[in-house]
Every structure is written in structure tokens, then in C-alpha cells.
N, C-alpha and C. Protein backbone atom coordinates (compact mmCIF):
# COMPACT_ATOMS: atom_id res chain seq x y z
N MET A 1 66.00 2.08 -43.12
CA MET A 1 65.44 2.40 -41.83
C MET A 1 65.06 1.14 -41.05
N THR A 2 64.63 0.13 -41.71
CA THR A 2 64.31 -1.11 -41.03
C THR A 2 65.56 -1.78 -40.50
N ALA A 3 66.67 -1.63 -41.15
CA ALA A 3 67.92 -2.22 -40.66
C ALA A 3 68.33 -1.57 -39.34
N ARG A 4 68.10 -0.26 -39.25
CA ARG A 4 68.42 0.43 -37.99
C ARG A 4 67.55 -0.08 -36.85
N ARG A 5 66.29 -0.27 -37.14
CA ARG A 5 65.39 -0.76 -36.09
C ARG A 5 65.79 -2.15 -35.63
N ARG A 6 66.15 -3.00 -36.57
CA ARG A 6 66.55 -4.34 -36.21
C ARG A 6 67.82 -4.30 -35.36
N GLY A 7 68.74 -3.41 -35.65
CA GLY A 7 69.95 -3.27 -34.85
C GLY A 7 69.64 -2.78 -33.45
N PHE A 8 68.68 -1.88 -33.33
CA PHE A 8 68.27 -1.37 -32.03
C PHE A 8 67.62 -2.46 -31.19
N ILE A 9 66.81 -3.27 -31.79
CA ILE A 9 66.14 -4.35 -31.06
C ILE A 9 67.17 -5.36 -30.56
N LEU A 10 68.16 -5.64 -31.35
CA LEU A 10 69.22 -6.56 -30.93
C LEU A 10 69.97 -6.01 -29.72
N VAL A 11 70.33 -4.73 -29.76
CA VAL A 11 71.03 -4.09 -28.64
C VAL A 11 70.13 -4.07 -27.40
N ALA A 12 68.86 -3.73 -27.58
CA ALA A 12 67.93 -3.68 -26.45
C ALA A 12 67.77 -5.07 -25.83
N ALA A 13 67.71 -6.12 -26.66
CA ALA A 13 67.59 -7.48 -26.14
C ALA A 13 68.84 -7.88 -25.37
N LEU A 14 70.03 -7.52 -25.86
CA LEU A 14 71.27 -7.83 -25.15
C LEU A 14 71.35 -7.10 -23.81
N VAL A 15 70.96 -5.84 -23.80
CA VAL A 15 70.96 -5.08 -22.54
C VAL A 15 69.98 -5.70 -21.55
N ALA A 16 68.80 -6.10 -22.03
CA ALA A 16 67.81 -6.73 -21.15
C ALA A 16 68.35 -8.05 -20.59
N LEU A 17 69.04 -8.83 -21.41
CA LEU A 17 69.63 -10.09 -20.93
C LEU A 17 70.71 -9.85 -19.88
N VAL A 18 71.53 -8.83 -20.08
CA VAL A 18 72.57 -8.50 -19.10
C VAL A 18 71.94 -8.07 -17.79
N ILE A 19 70.90 -7.26 -17.85
CA ILE A 19 70.21 -6.80 -16.62
C ILE A 19 69.58 -7.99 -15.90
N ILE A 20 68.95 -8.87 -16.62
CA ILE A 20 68.34 -10.05 -16.00
C ILE A 20 69.42 -10.94 -15.37
N ALA A 21 70.55 -11.10 -16.05
CA ALA A 21 71.66 -11.90 -15.50
C ALA A 21 72.19 -11.28 -14.22
N LEU A 22 72.30 -9.95 -14.18
CA LEU A 22 72.76 -9.26 -12.96
C LEU A 22 71.77 -9.45 -11.81
N ILE A 23 70.50 -9.39 -12.10
CA ILE A 23 69.48 -9.58 -11.06
C ILE A 23 69.54 -11.00 -10.50
N ILE A 24 69.69 -11.98 -11.38
CA ILE A 24 69.78 -13.38 -10.93
C ILE A 24 71.05 -13.60 -10.11
N THR A 25 72.17 -13.03 -10.55
CA THR A 25 73.42 -13.15 -9.79
C THR A 25 73.28 -12.51 -8.41
N GLY A 26 72.66 -11.37 -8.35
CA GLY A 26 72.43 -10.70 -7.06
C GLY A 26 71.55 -11.53 -6.13
N ALA A 27 70.53 -12.19 -6.70
CA ALA A 27 69.65 -13.02 -5.89
C ALA A 27 70.41 -14.22 -5.32
N PHE A 28 71.26 -14.85 -6.16
CA PHE A 28 72.06 -15.97 -5.66
C PHE A 28 73.03 -15.52 -4.57
N PHE A 29 73.65 -14.37 -4.75
CA PHE A 29 74.58 -13.86 -3.73
C PHE A 29 73.85 -13.58 -2.42
N ALA A 30 72.68 -12.95 -2.52
CA ALA A 30 71.91 -12.62 -1.30
C ALA A 30 71.48 -13.89 -0.58
N SER A 31 71.06 -14.92 -1.31
CA SER A 31 70.64 -16.16 -0.64
C SER A 31 71.83 -16.86 0.00
N GLY A 32 73.01 -16.77 -0.63
CA GLY A 32 74.21 -17.34 -0.02
C GLY A 32 74.58 -16.62 1.27
N GLN A 33 74.46 -15.31 1.27
CA GLN A 33 74.75 -14.53 2.48
C GLN A 33 73.75 -14.85 3.58
N GLU A 34 72.51 -15.06 3.21
CA GLU A 34 71.48 -15.41 4.19
C GLU A 34 71.80 -16.75 4.85
N LEU A 35 72.31 -17.69 4.07
CA LEU A 35 72.70 -18.99 4.61
C LEU A 35 73.85 -18.85 5.61
N VAL A 36 74.82 -18.01 5.29
CA VAL A 36 75.97 -17.79 6.18
C VAL A 36 75.50 -17.15 7.49
N VAL A 37 74.63 -16.17 7.40
CA VAL A 37 74.12 -15.49 8.60
C VAL A 37 73.32 -16.46 9.46
N ALA A 38 72.49 -17.29 8.85
CA ALA A 38 71.69 -18.25 9.61
C ALA A 38 72.59 -19.28 10.29
N ARG A 39 73.63 -19.76 9.61
CA ARG A 39 74.55 -20.73 10.21
C ARG A 39 75.30 -20.11 11.38
N ASN A 40 75.74 -18.87 11.23
CA ASN A 40 76.46 -18.21 12.32
C ASN A 40 75.54 -17.96 13.51
N GLU A 41 74.29 -17.63 13.27
CA GLU A 41 73.34 -17.42 14.36
C GLU A 41 73.09 -18.73 15.11
N LEU A 42 72.99 -19.83 14.38
CA LEU A 42 72.80 -21.14 15.01
C LEU A 42 74.01 -21.50 15.87
N ARG A 43 75.19 -21.30 15.38
CA ARG A 43 76.40 -21.61 16.14
C ARG A 43 76.54 -20.70 17.35
N ASP A 44 76.16 -19.45 17.20
CA ASP A 44 76.19 -18.52 18.32
C ASP A 44 75.24 -19.00 19.42
N GLN A 45 74.06 -19.44 19.03
CA GLN A 45 73.09 -19.94 20.02
C GLN A 45 73.59 -21.23 20.67
N GLN A 46 74.28 -22.09 19.91
CA GLN A 46 74.83 -23.32 20.48
C GLN A 46 75.88 -23.00 21.54
N ALA A 47 76.76 -22.05 21.25
CA ALA A 47 77.79 -21.66 22.22
C ALA A 47 77.16 -21.06 23.47
N PHE A 48 76.12 -20.25 23.29
CA PHE A 48 75.43 -19.64 24.42
C PHE A 48 74.75 -20.72 25.28
N SER A 49 74.07 -21.65 24.63
CA SER A 49 73.39 -22.72 25.37
C SER A 49 74.39 -23.60 26.12
N TYR A 50 75.55 -23.85 25.51
CA TYR A 50 76.55 -24.67 26.19
C TYR A 50 77.16 -23.93 27.38
N ALA A 51 77.28 -22.62 27.28
CA ALA A 51 77.76 -21.83 28.42
C ALA A 51 76.75 -21.92 29.57
N GLU A 52 75.47 -21.82 29.26
CA GLU A 52 74.44 -21.96 30.30
C GLU A 52 74.47 -23.36 30.91
N TYR A 53 74.62 -24.37 30.08
CA TYR A 53 74.69 -25.75 30.55
C TYR A 53 75.88 -25.94 31.49
N SER A 54 77.02 -25.39 31.12
CA SER A 54 78.23 -25.52 31.93
C SER A 54 78.07 -24.84 33.28
N ALA A 55 77.43 -23.69 33.29
CA ALA A 55 77.19 -22.99 34.56
C ALA A 55 76.26 -23.81 35.45
N ALA A 56 75.22 -24.40 34.86
CA ALA A 56 74.30 -25.23 35.64
C ALA A 56 75.00 -26.47 36.19
N LYS A 57 75.88 -27.07 35.39
CA LYS A 57 76.65 -28.23 35.85
C LYS A 57 77.58 -27.85 37.00
N ALA A 58 78.16 -26.66 36.94
CA ALA A 58 79.04 -26.20 38.02
C ALA A 58 78.26 -26.05 39.32
N LEU A 59 77.02 -25.58 39.23
CA LEU A 59 76.19 -25.46 40.44
C LEU A 59 75.81 -26.84 40.98
N GLU A 60 75.52 -27.78 40.08
CA GLU A 60 75.16 -29.14 40.52
C GLU A 60 76.31 -29.81 41.26
N SER A 61 77.52 -29.58 40.80
CA SER A 61 78.68 -30.24 41.42
C SER A 61 79.42 -29.30 42.37
N TRP A 62 78.71 -28.41 43.01
CA TRP A 62 79.29 -27.41 43.91
C TRP A 62 80.00 -28.08 45.08
N ASN A 63 81.24 -27.72 45.30
CA ASN A 63 82.02 -28.24 46.42
C ASN A 63 82.08 -27.15 47.48
N ALA A 64 81.21 -27.24 48.47
CA ALA A 64 81.07 -26.18 49.47
C ALA A 64 82.36 -25.98 50.26
N ALA A 65 83.05 -27.05 50.62
CA ALA A 65 84.28 -26.92 51.40
C ALA A 65 85.36 -26.19 50.61
N ALA A 66 85.50 -26.51 49.34
CA ALA A 66 86.51 -25.84 48.51
C ALA A 66 86.15 -24.38 48.29
N ARG A 67 84.87 -24.08 48.10
CA ARG A 67 84.47 -22.68 47.88
C ARG A 67 84.60 -21.85 49.16
N ASP A 68 84.30 -22.45 50.32
CA ASP A 68 84.42 -21.72 51.58
C ASP A 68 85.87 -21.40 51.91
N SER A 69 86.80 -22.23 51.46
CA SER A 69 88.21 -21.98 51.76
C SER A 69 88.81 -20.88 50.87
N MET A 70 88.08 -20.42 49.88
CA MET A 70 88.57 -19.33 49.02
C MET A 70 88.56 -18.03 49.80
N SER A 71 89.49 -17.15 49.48
CA SER A 71 89.47 -15.82 50.08
C SER A 71 88.64 -14.88 49.22
N THR A 72 88.14 -13.83 49.81
CA THR A 72 87.30 -12.88 49.08
C THR A 72 88.09 -12.26 47.93
N GLY A 73 87.50 -12.29 46.73
CA GLY A 73 88.15 -11.76 45.54
C GLY A 73 88.91 -12.81 44.75
N GLU A 74 89.08 -14.00 45.32
CA GLU A 74 89.82 -15.06 44.64
C GLU A 74 88.95 -15.72 43.56
N THR A 75 89.58 -16.09 42.48
CA THR A 75 88.90 -16.77 41.37
C THR A 75 89.53 -18.14 41.16
N GLN A 76 88.69 -19.15 41.05
CA GLN A 76 89.17 -20.51 40.77
C GLN A 76 88.57 -20.98 39.46
N ARG A 77 89.39 -21.70 38.71
CA ARG A 77 88.95 -22.29 37.45
C ARG A 77 88.49 -23.71 37.74
N LEU A 78 87.28 -24.03 37.37
CA LEU A 78 86.77 -25.38 37.54
C LEU A 78 87.12 -26.20 36.31
N ALA A 79 86.82 -27.47 36.33
CA ALA A 79 87.16 -28.36 35.22
C ALA A 79 86.46 -27.92 33.94
N SER A 80 87.15 -28.09 32.82
CA SER A 80 86.58 -27.77 31.52
C SER A 80 85.63 -28.87 31.09
N LEU A 81 84.60 -28.50 30.35
CA LEU A 81 83.67 -29.46 29.78
C LEU A 81 83.82 -29.45 28.27
N SER A 82 83.63 -30.60 27.66
CA SER A 82 83.74 -30.71 26.22
C SER A 82 82.76 -31.74 25.71
N ARG A 83 82.05 -31.39 24.65
CA ARG A 83 81.11 -32.31 24.03
C ARG A 83 81.08 -32.01 22.53
N GLY A 84 81.64 -32.91 21.75
CA GLY A 84 81.69 -32.68 20.30
C GLY A 84 82.56 -31.48 19.98
N LEU A 85 82.02 -30.55 19.23
CA LEU A 85 82.74 -29.33 18.88
C LEU A 85 82.62 -28.25 19.94
N LEU A 86 81.80 -28.48 20.96
CA LEU A 86 81.59 -27.47 22.00
C LEU A 86 82.52 -27.72 23.18
N GLU A 87 83.04 -26.64 23.74
CA GLU A 87 83.85 -26.74 24.95
C GLU A 87 83.59 -25.51 25.81
N SER A 88 83.86 -25.66 27.09
CA SER A 88 83.63 -24.53 27.99
C SER A 88 84.58 -24.58 29.17
N GLU A 89 84.72 -23.43 29.78
CA GLU A 89 85.46 -23.28 31.03
C GLU A 89 84.56 -22.54 32.00
N VAL A 90 84.66 -22.90 33.28
CA VAL A 90 83.85 -22.26 34.31
C VAL A 90 84.78 -21.71 35.37
N PHE A 91 84.52 -20.47 35.78
CA PHE A 91 85.30 -19.80 36.82
C PHE A 91 84.35 -19.39 37.94
N VAL A 92 84.84 -19.52 39.18
CA VAL A 92 84.07 -19.11 40.36
C VAL A 92 84.87 -18.04 41.08
N THR A 93 84.24 -16.90 41.33
CA THR A 93 84.87 -15.81 42.07
C THR A 93 84.09 -15.58 43.35
N LYS A 94 84.80 -15.57 44.47
CA LYS A 94 84.14 -15.34 45.76
C LYS A 94 84.04 -13.83 45.97
N LEU A 95 82.81 -13.33 46.13
CA LEU A 95 82.59 -11.89 46.30
C LEU A 95 82.51 -11.48 47.76
N ASP A 96 81.92 -12.32 48.58
CA ASP A 96 81.94 -12.13 50.04
C ASP A 96 81.74 -13.51 50.68
N THR A 97 81.38 -13.56 51.94
CA THR A 97 81.34 -14.85 52.63
C THR A 97 80.32 -15.82 52.05
N ALA A 98 79.25 -15.32 51.44
CA ALA A 98 78.22 -16.21 50.93
C ALA A 98 77.81 -15.91 49.50
N LEU A 99 78.47 -14.99 48.84
CA LEU A 99 78.09 -14.56 47.50
C LEU A 99 79.21 -14.88 46.51
N TYR A 100 78.84 -15.55 45.42
CA TYR A 100 79.83 -15.99 44.42
C TYR A 100 79.34 -15.60 43.02
N LEU A 101 80.31 -15.36 42.14
CA LEU A 101 80.01 -15.13 40.74
C LEU A 101 80.54 -16.33 39.96
N VAL A 102 79.64 -17.03 39.28
CA VAL A 102 80.01 -18.18 38.46
C VAL A 102 79.97 -17.71 37.01
N THR A 103 81.11 -17.79 36.33
CA THR A 103 81.21 -17.35 34.94
C THR A 103 81.53 -18.55 34.07
N ALA A 104 80.70 -18.78 33.06
CA ALA A 104 80.90 -19.90 32.14
C ALA A 104 81.14 -19.34 30.74
N ASP A 105 82.15 -19.88 30.10
CA ASP A 105 82.57 -19.43 28.77
C ASP A 105 82.36 -20.58 27.80
N GLY A 106 81.41 -20.46 26.86
CA GLY A 106 81.13 -21.51 25.88
C GLY A 106 81.78 -21.17 24.54
N ARG A 107 82.46 -22.16 23.94
CA ARG A 107 83.14 -21.94 22.65
C ARG A 107 82.82 -23.06 21.69
N LEU A 108 82.95 -22.77 20.42
CA LEU A 108 82.76 -23.76 19.37
C LEU A 108 84.10 -23.98 18.69
N ARG A 109 84.58 -25.23 18.71
CA ARG A 109 85.86 -25.57 18.06
C ARG A 109 85.60 -25.94 16.62
N SER A 110 85.65 -24.97 15.76
CA SER A 110 85.41 -25.19 14.34
C SER A 110 86.27 -24.21 13.56
N ALA A 111 86.74 -24.63 12.39
CA ALA A 111 87.62 -23.77 11.59
C ALA A 111 86.92 -22.49 11.16
N ASP A 112 85.63 -22.57 10.84
CA ASP A 112 84.93 -21.37 10.39
C ASP A 112 84.26 -20.61 11.53
N ALA A 113 84.42 -21.07 12.77
CA ALA A 113 83.85 -20.37 13.92
C ALA A 113 84.87 -20.33 15.06
N ALA A 114 86.13 -20.13 14.71
CA ALA A 114 87.20 -20.23 15.71
C ALA A 114 87.09 -19.16 16.79
N ALA A 115 86.60 -17.99 16.45
CA ALA A 115 86.53 -16.89 17.42
C ALA A 115 85.17 -16.79 18.09
N LEU A 116 84.28 -17.74 17.85
CA LEU A 116 82.94 -17.69 18.41
C LEU A 116 82.98 -18.10 19.87
N ARG A 117 82.54 -17.20 20.75
CA ARG A 117 82.57 -17.45 22.18
C ARG A 117 81.42 -16.71 22.82
N ARG A 118 80.74 -17.35 23.76
CA ARG A 118 79.67 -16.71 24.52
C ARG A 118 79.94 -16.94 26.00
N ARG A 119 79.64 -15.95 26.80
CA ARG A 119 79.92 -16.02 28.23
C ARG A 119 78.66 -15.69 29.01
N VAL A 120 78.44 -16.46 30.07
CA VAL A 120 77.28 -16.29 30.94
C VAL A 120 77.78 -16.17 32.37
N GLY A 121 77.18 -15.27 33.14
CA GLY A 121 77.52 -15.11 34.54
C GLY A 121 76.32 -15.34 35.44
N LEU A 122 76.53 -16.07 36.53
CA LEU A 122 75.47 -16.33 37.51
C LEU A 122 75.91 -15.78 38.86
N LEU A 123 75.04 -15.08 39.51
CA LEU A 123 75.29 -14.60 40.86
C LEU A 123 74.57 -15.55 41.80
N VAL A 124 75.33 -16.25 42.66
CA VAL A 124 74.74 -17.27 43.53
C VAL A 124 75.08 -16.98 44.99
N ARG A 125 74.23 -17.51 45.86
CA ARG A 125 74.38 -17.34 47.30
C ARG A 125 74.39 -18.72 47.95
N THR A 126 75.24 -18.89 48.96
CA THR A 126 75.35 -20.19 49.64
C THR A 126 74.67 -20.21 51.01
N VAL A 127 74.03 -19.11 51.37
CA VAL A 127 73.34 -19.05 52.66
C VAL A 127 71.92 -18.54 52.42
N ARG A 128 70.94 -19.28 52.99
CA ARG A 128 69.54 -18.85 52.88
C ARG A 128 68.95 -18.82 54.27
N ASN A 129 68.44 -17.67 54.68
CA ASN A 129 67.86 -17.48 56.02
C ASN A 129 68.83 -17.88 57.12
N GLY A 130 70.10 -17.59 56.92
CA GLY A 130 71.12 -17.85 57.91
C GLY A 130 71.66 -19.27 57.91
N ALA A 131 71.11 -20.15 57.08
CA ALA A 131 71.56 -21.54 57.05
C ALA A 131 72.29 -21.81 55.73
N PRO A 132 73.41 -22.52 55.79
CA PRO A 132 74.12 -22.84 54.54
C PRO A 132 73.30 -23.79 53.68
N VAL A 133 73.38 -23.59 52.37
CA VAL A 133 72.70 -24.47 51.42
C VAL A 133 73.71 -24.96 50.38
N ASN A 134 73.52 -26.20 49.95
CA ASN A 134 74.38 -26.76 48.92
C ASN A 134 73.50 -27.63 48.02
N PRO A 135 73.40 -27.37 46.75
CA PRO A 135 74.11 -26.37 45.96
C PRO A 135 73.55 -24.97 46.22
N PRO A 136 74.32 -23.96 45.84
CA PRO A 136 73.87 -22.58 46.08
C PRO A 136 72.68 -22.24 45.19
N PHE A 137 71.96 -21.20 45.54
CA PHE A 137 70.80 -20.78 44.76
C PHE A 137 71.11 -19.46 44.07
N ARG A 138 70.49 -19.26 42.96
CA ARG A 138 70.68 -18.04 42.19
C ARG A 138 70.00 -16.88 42.88
N VAL A 139 70.67 -15.74 42.84
CA VAL A 139 70.11 -14.53 43.45
C VAL A 139 68.90 -14.10 42.63
N SER A 140 67.75 -13.92 43.29
CA SER A 140 66.54 -13.56 42.57
C SER A 140 66.67 -12.17 41.95
N GLY A 141 66.06 -12.02 40.82
CA GLY A 141 66.13 -10.76 40.11
C GLY A 141 67.38 -10.66 39.25
N GLN A 142 68.33 -11.55 39.46
CA GLN A 142 69.57 -11.57 38.70
C GLN A 142 69.93 -13.04 38.47
N ALA A 143 69.02 -13.75 37.80
CA ALA A 143 69.22 -15.18 37.62
C ALA A 143 70.48 -15.47 36.81
N TRP A 144 70.67 -14.76 35.72
CA TRP A 144 71.89 -14.92 34.93
C TRP A 144 72.07 -13.67 34.09
N SER A 145 73.26 -13.48 33.66
CA SER A 145 73.57 -12.34 32.78
C SER A 145 74.43 -12.83 31.64
N GLU A 146 74.14 -12.31 30.47
CA GLU A 146 74.97 -12.62 29.32
C GLU A 146 76.11 -11.61 29.31
N LEU A 147 77.33 -12.11 29.32
CA LEU A 147 78.52 -11.26 29.35
C LEU A 147 79.19 -11.30 27.99
N TYR A 148 79.80 -10.19 27.60
CA TYR A 148 80.49 -10.16 26.31
C TYR A 148 81.97 -10.01 26.49
């Protein structure tokens, strides 16, 4: 009878070791996944911030004569910006005589984030109280919108 008990204790100890090994493996897997999620969130925020930066740069370098010569509904692509792994494109669409939509697309050039892209849109006006302004100002209440 004592031999049976000793055999049972050995089996119970092996089962306990397997369960502990599974718990440790699960913990390592979960922490690895958490690292991947945190890295992707950081890169997503970088692309979003670069899109906002590109839109602000487009407003700073606003060419009033070129924008006024656009026809309503026309879209022009402005120069691309690039800094390190970040790149962006900015598009300006004329909505009416004084209202424009500035769309900036921020991307991350990385092998593990090739499809990561964030887009920001700004609604701007080039006339304030009947007088033209340069650079244009953002329409209040709609400072910017995150586009997907």
C-alpha cells in the first residue's frame, strides 16, 4: 500500500509541474503580446502626430495665389514630407471660394508597420470678415478631424 501512495505522489508532482510550466508559458506569451500592442500603439501615435505636423506645415506655407486659381472641387497634392521612417502627403481640396479641406496622410516606413497610416483633415477658411487672410485659419468648432 505504501508503494501505491508513493506512485500517486510522483504522478501528482509531475502533474503539478506541468501545470506550473503551462502557467509560466502563458505569462511569457501574454507579456510578449503586451509588448507588441504597446509598440503598435506608439507607432500609430507617431503616424498620427506626423500627419498633424504635415497639415500644420501646409498651412504655414500656404500659397494663396495657387489656391485661388483652383476650381471648386479640385484637389491638389502638395509636396511630400519625410523625416526618418515617417513620411506624409498633403492634399488640398477647394470646397468654395474661401473654404478648403486640407488632408494630411501620415505613414511609417517600416517592415513591421508597412500598412500603418493615419489621416487628418482640416477645414480652413481664407477670408475673415470679408478680408483675405494668409495663412488661412481653421474653422472654429471643427479644428481638425481624424479620418480613417
